[in-house]
Protein backbone atom coordinates (compact mmCIF):
# COMPACT_ATOMS: atom_id res chain seq x y z
CA UNK A 1 79.63 114.87 135.45
CA UNK A 2 78.93 112.05 133.01
CA UNK A 3 79.04 108.52 134.39
CA UNK A 4 80.88 107.06 131.42
CA UNK A 5 80.69 103.48 132.67
CA UNK A 6 76.89 103.78 132.86
CA UNK A 7 76.46 105.26 129.38
CA UNK A 8 78.93 102.72 127.97
CA UNK A 9 76.82 99.87 129.34
CA UNK A 10 73.70 101.48 127.87
CA UNK A 11 75.46 101.74 124.51
CA UNK A 12 76.30 98.04 124.57
CA UNK A 13 72.75 97.05 125.47
CA UNK A 14 70.96 99.38 123.01
CA UNK A 15 73.38 99.67 120.10
CA UNK A 16 75.46 96.51 120.14
CA UNK A 17 73.54 93.56 121.61
CA UNK A 18 70.16 94.85 120.44
CA UNK A 19 71.42 95.04 116.85
CA UNK A 20 72.46 91.42 116.72
CA UNK A 21 76.02 91.18 118.01
CA UNK A 22 76.15 87.87 119.86
CA UNK A 23 79.83 87.13 120.57
CA UNK A 24 80.09 87.41 124.35
CA UNK A 25 83.82 88.17 124.22
CA UNK A 26 83.28 91.07 121.83
CA UNK A 27 80.49 92.45 124.01
CA UNK A 28 82.66 92.17 127.13
CA UNK A 29 85.54 93.99 125.43
CA UNK A 30 83.30 96.86 124.35
CA UNK A 31 81.89 97.10 127.86
CA UNK A 32 85.44 97.44 129.19
CA UNK A 33 87.27 99.77 126.78
CA UNK A 34 86.68 103.49 127.58
CA UNK A 35 85.80 104.86 124.13
CA UNK A 36 85.54 108.41 125.46
CA UNK A 37 89.31 108.49 126.05
CA UNK A 38 89.94 107.97 122.34
CA UNK A 39 88.28 111.24 121.28
CA UNK A 40 88.92 114.87 122.14
CA UNK A 41 87.57 116.07 125.47
CA UNK A 42 85.04 118.32 123.72
CA UNK A 43 83.51 115.26 122.04
CA UNK A 44 83.52 112.89 125.00
CA UNK A 45 79.83 113.47 125.75
CA UNK A 46 79.10 111.96 122.30
CA UNK A 47 81.50 109.03 122.63
CA UNK A 48 78.81 106.43 123.31
CA UNK A 49 76.39 107.51 120.60
CA UNK A 50 76.19 105.18 117.61
CA UNK A 51 77.98 107.29 115.04
CA UNK A 52 81.55 108.03 113.98
CA UNK A 53 83.40 111.03 115.39
CA UNK A 54 86.27 113.09 113.99
CA UNK A 55 89.76 112.42 115.40
CA UNK A 56 91.71 114.91 113.28
CA UNK A 57 93.64 114.58 110.01
CA UNK A 58 90.30 114.06 108.18
CA UNK A 59 89.92 110.68 109.91
CA UNK A 60 87.21 109.27 112.18
CA UNK A 61 86.67 106.82 114.98
CA UNK A 62 84.17 104.26 113.66
CA UNK A 63 80.68 103.95 115.11
CA UNK A 64 80.56 101.42 117.97
CA UNK A 65 78.26 99.02 116.13
CA UNK A 66 80.60 98.84 113.12
CA UNK A 67 83.56 98.16 115.41
CA UNK A 68 81.58 95.34 117.03
CA UNK A 69 80.42 93.92 113.70
CA UNK A 70 83.91 93.89 112.18
CA UNK A 71 85.43 92.43 115.31
CA UNK A 72 82.81 89.70 115.59
CA UNK A 73 83.37 88.81 111.93
CA UNK A 74 87.01 88.00 112.70
CA UNK A 75 85.84 85.10 114.94
CA UNK A 76 88.58 85.56 117.54
CA UNK A 77 89.19 82.95 120.24
CA UNK A 78 92.11 84.52 122.11
CA UNK A 79 95.35 83.11 120.69
CA UNK A 80 95.40 84.91 117.35
CA UNK A 81 97.95 87.22 115.78
CA UNK A 82 96.01 90.11 114.24
CA UNK A 83 96.85 92.76 111.66
CA UNK A 84 94.88 96.01 111.80
CA UNK A 85 95.14 98.44 108.90
CA UNK A 86 94.48 101.95 110.18
CA UNK A 87 95.05 102.36 113.91
CA UNK A 88 93.38 105.77 113.85
CA UNK A 89 92.44 106.71 117.40
CA UNK A 90 93.48 103.28 118.71
CA UNK A 91 89.98 102.37 119.89
CA UNK A 92 89.47 99.27 117.78
CA UNK A 93 93.11 98.37 118.44
CA UNK A 94 92.24 98.25 122.15
CA UNK A 95 89.21 96.05 121.47
CA UNK A 96 91.40 93.66 119.48
CA UNK A 97 94.05 93.69 122.20
CA UNK A 98 91.40 92.45 124.63
CA UNK A 99 90.50 89.57 122.33
CA UNK A 100 93.73 88.38 120.69
CA UNK A 101 97.23 87.43 121.74
CA UNK A 102 99.08 89.96 119.56
CA UNK A 103 97.92 92.96 117.55
CA UNK A 104 100.02 94.58 114.83
CA UNK A 105 98.59 97.85 113.56
CA UNK A 106 99.72 100.00 110.63
CA UNK A 107 98.84 103.70 110.50
CA UNK A 108 100.07 106.03 107.75
CA UNK A 109 99.46 109.28 109.67
CA UNK A 110 102.26 109.85 112.15
CA UNK A 111 100.37 112.10 114.60
CA UNK A 112 97.54 109.57 114.95
CA UNK A 113 99.93 106.66 115.38
CA UNK A 114 101.92 108.40 118.10
CA UNK A 115 98.79 109.46 119.98
CA UNK A 116 97.24 105.99 119.73
CA UNK A 117 100.41 104.24 120.85
CA UNK A 118 100.75 106.51 123.90
CA UNK A 119 97.13 106.01 125.00
CA UNK A 120 97.19 102.25 124.45
CA UNK A 121 100.29 101.89 126.59
CA UNK A 122 98.79 104.13 129.27
CA UNK A 123 95.78 101.78 129.34
CA UNK A 124 98.06 98.75 129.68
CA UNK A 125 97.81 97.27 126.20
CA UNK A 126 101.34 95.99 125.78
CA UNK A 127 100.43 93.27 123.27
CA UNK A 128 100.17 95.92 120.54
CA UNK A 129 102.76 97.14 118.04
CA UNK A 130 102.06 100.14 115.79
CA UNK A 131 104.01 100.86 112.61
CA UNK A 132 103.91 104.17 110.69
CA UNK A 133 103.74 103.15 107.04
CA UNK A 134 101.54 102.74 103.97
CA UNK A 135 99.08 100.23 105.38
CA UNK A 136 98.11 98.80 101.98
CA UNK A 137 101.39 96.85 102.02
CA UNK A 138 100.31 95.08 105.21
CA UNK A 139 103.18 94.04 107.50
CA UNK A 140 104.88 91.19 105.70
CA UNK A 141 107.67 90.57 108.20
CA UNK A 142 105.11 89.89 110.95
CA UNK A 143 102.94 87.62 108.80
CA UNK A 144 101.14 85.27 108.54
CA UNK A 145 98.14 86.59 110.45
CA UNK A 146 95.11 84.71 111.71
CA UNK A 147 92.91 87.69 110.90
CA UNK A 148 93.22 91.11 109.30
CA UNK A 149 90.83 94.03 109.71
CA UNK A 150 90.85 97.15 107.54
CA UNK A 151 89.32 100.34 108.91
CA UNK A 152 89.13 102.26 105.61
CA UNK A 153 87.34 101.68 102.33
CA UNK A 154 89.32 100.11 99.49
CA UNK A 155 88.50 100.07 95.75
CA UNK A 156 89.44 96.38 95.70
CA UNK A 157 91.03 93.70 97.89
CA UNK A 158 94.77 94.48 98.15
CA UNK A 159 96.75 91.36 97.26
CA UNK A 160 99.23 91.82 100.16
CA UNK A 161 96.42 91.35 102.68
CA UNK A 162 95.34 88.04 101.19
CA UNK A 163 98.95 86.88 100.84
CA UNK A 164 99.65 87.65 104.52
CA UNK A 165 96.72 85.60 105.85
CA UNK A 166 97.37 82.17 107.31
CA UNK A 167 95.37 79.31 105.81
CA UNK A 168 91.87 79.61 107.26
CA UNK A 169 92.54 83.24 108.16
CA UNK A 170 89.86 85.95 107.84
CA UNK A 171 90.15 89.37 106.22
CA UNK A 172 87.42 91.89 107.09
CA UNK A 173 87.46 94.83 104.69
CA UNK A 174 85.13 97.52 103.25
CA UNK A 175 85.29 97.45 99.43
CA UNK A 176 83.59 99.86 97.04
CA UNK A 177 83.78 103.41 95.75
CA UNK A 178 84.76 106.56 97.60
CA UNK A 179 81.26 107.21 98.93
CA UNK A 180 79.95 103.79 99.95
CA UNK A 181 81.24 100.27 100.33
CA UNK A 182 80.18 96.74 101.22
CA UNK A 183 81.82 95.03 104.17
CA UNK A 184 83.34 91.70 103.16
CA UNK A 185 84.76 88.78 105.10
CA UNK A 186 87.36 87.00 103.02
CA UNK A 187 88.47 83.56 104.21
CA UNK A 188 91.63 81.97 102.83
CA UNK A 189 90.94 78.30 102.04
CA UNK A 190 92.74 75.48 100.27
CA UNK A 191 90.25 75.92 97.45
CA UNK A 192 90.85 79.67 97.15
CA UNK A 193 89.11 82.82 98.34
CA UNK A 194 85.75 82.52 100.11
CA UNK A 195 83.95 85.88 100.01
CA UNK A 196 80.97 86.87 102.18
CA UNK A 197 79.11 90.20 101.99
CA UNK A 198 78.22 91.44 105.50
CA UNK A 199 76.30 94.52 104.35
CA UNK A 200 76.71 98.14 103.37
CA UNK A 201 79.00 100.60 105.14
CA UNK A 202 80.81 103.89 104.67
CA UNK A 203 84.44 104.52 105.56
CA UNK A 204 87.12 107.06 104.75
CA UNK A 205 89.38 106.10 101.84
CA UNK A 206 92.15 103.53 102.21
CA UNK A 207 95.05 105.59 100.90
CA UNK A 208 98.15 103.87 99.58
CA UNK A 209 99.91 101.89 96.88
CA UNK A 210 97.19 99.21 96.75
CA UNK A 211 94.27 101.49 97.67
CA UNK A 212 93.27 104.99 96.62
CA UNK A 213 95.98 107.28 95.30
CA UNK A 214 96.92 110.41 97.18
CA UNK A 215 99.56 113.02 96.42
CA UNK A 216 102.51 112.77 98.75
CA UNK A 217 101.67 109.26 99.89
CA UNK A 218 104.40 107.77 102.00
CA UNK A 219 105.95 104.65 100.47
CA UNK A 220 108.91 104.35 102.79
CA UNK A 221 108.79 103.66 106.49
CA UNK A 222 109.21 106.73 108.68
């Protein structure tokens, strides 16, 4: 039997803190959330290794360090309203739910959204809403958001995300081609867009109206 709490703590010490993540709230959230529950049982022994894992539908759960880096870049204090684009397994959604007041997550793949919603509620995360939709539109009726995180690579910065940020809000998004991207933090200021490059990364494509095209993409809410 694997002692998941023990290997989770080791992951935090060796893969998160040791690689430069300093936000104590982010570290505490990653110590708490059981990542192994967000992957299939056959993959649970790998859940605390520092690499992405498949979750079905050609999607992945991001590597723990990348989750920590993106979350830290949002600079959360606890009272924020957050938009997440791409709920996926729900793992990063859970991390955000630990750190913010409200989390709104958009997932285009119905099976993933339903599974994530069920697990999040089972774990007691009731400050989360998940919508099944084309995530590149954001979630205008719930805006403005204090921070937005995007868990898929985009060819550019979708205008709806910037529009839905509050003044001073942060958008964390991978931007680049289909094979590799740079992770950017975009801050909305009175003087316009402040853009910071946080380093290279690799994500699955952000599919949708303002991302990469895909046949049969859903443009109406289901």
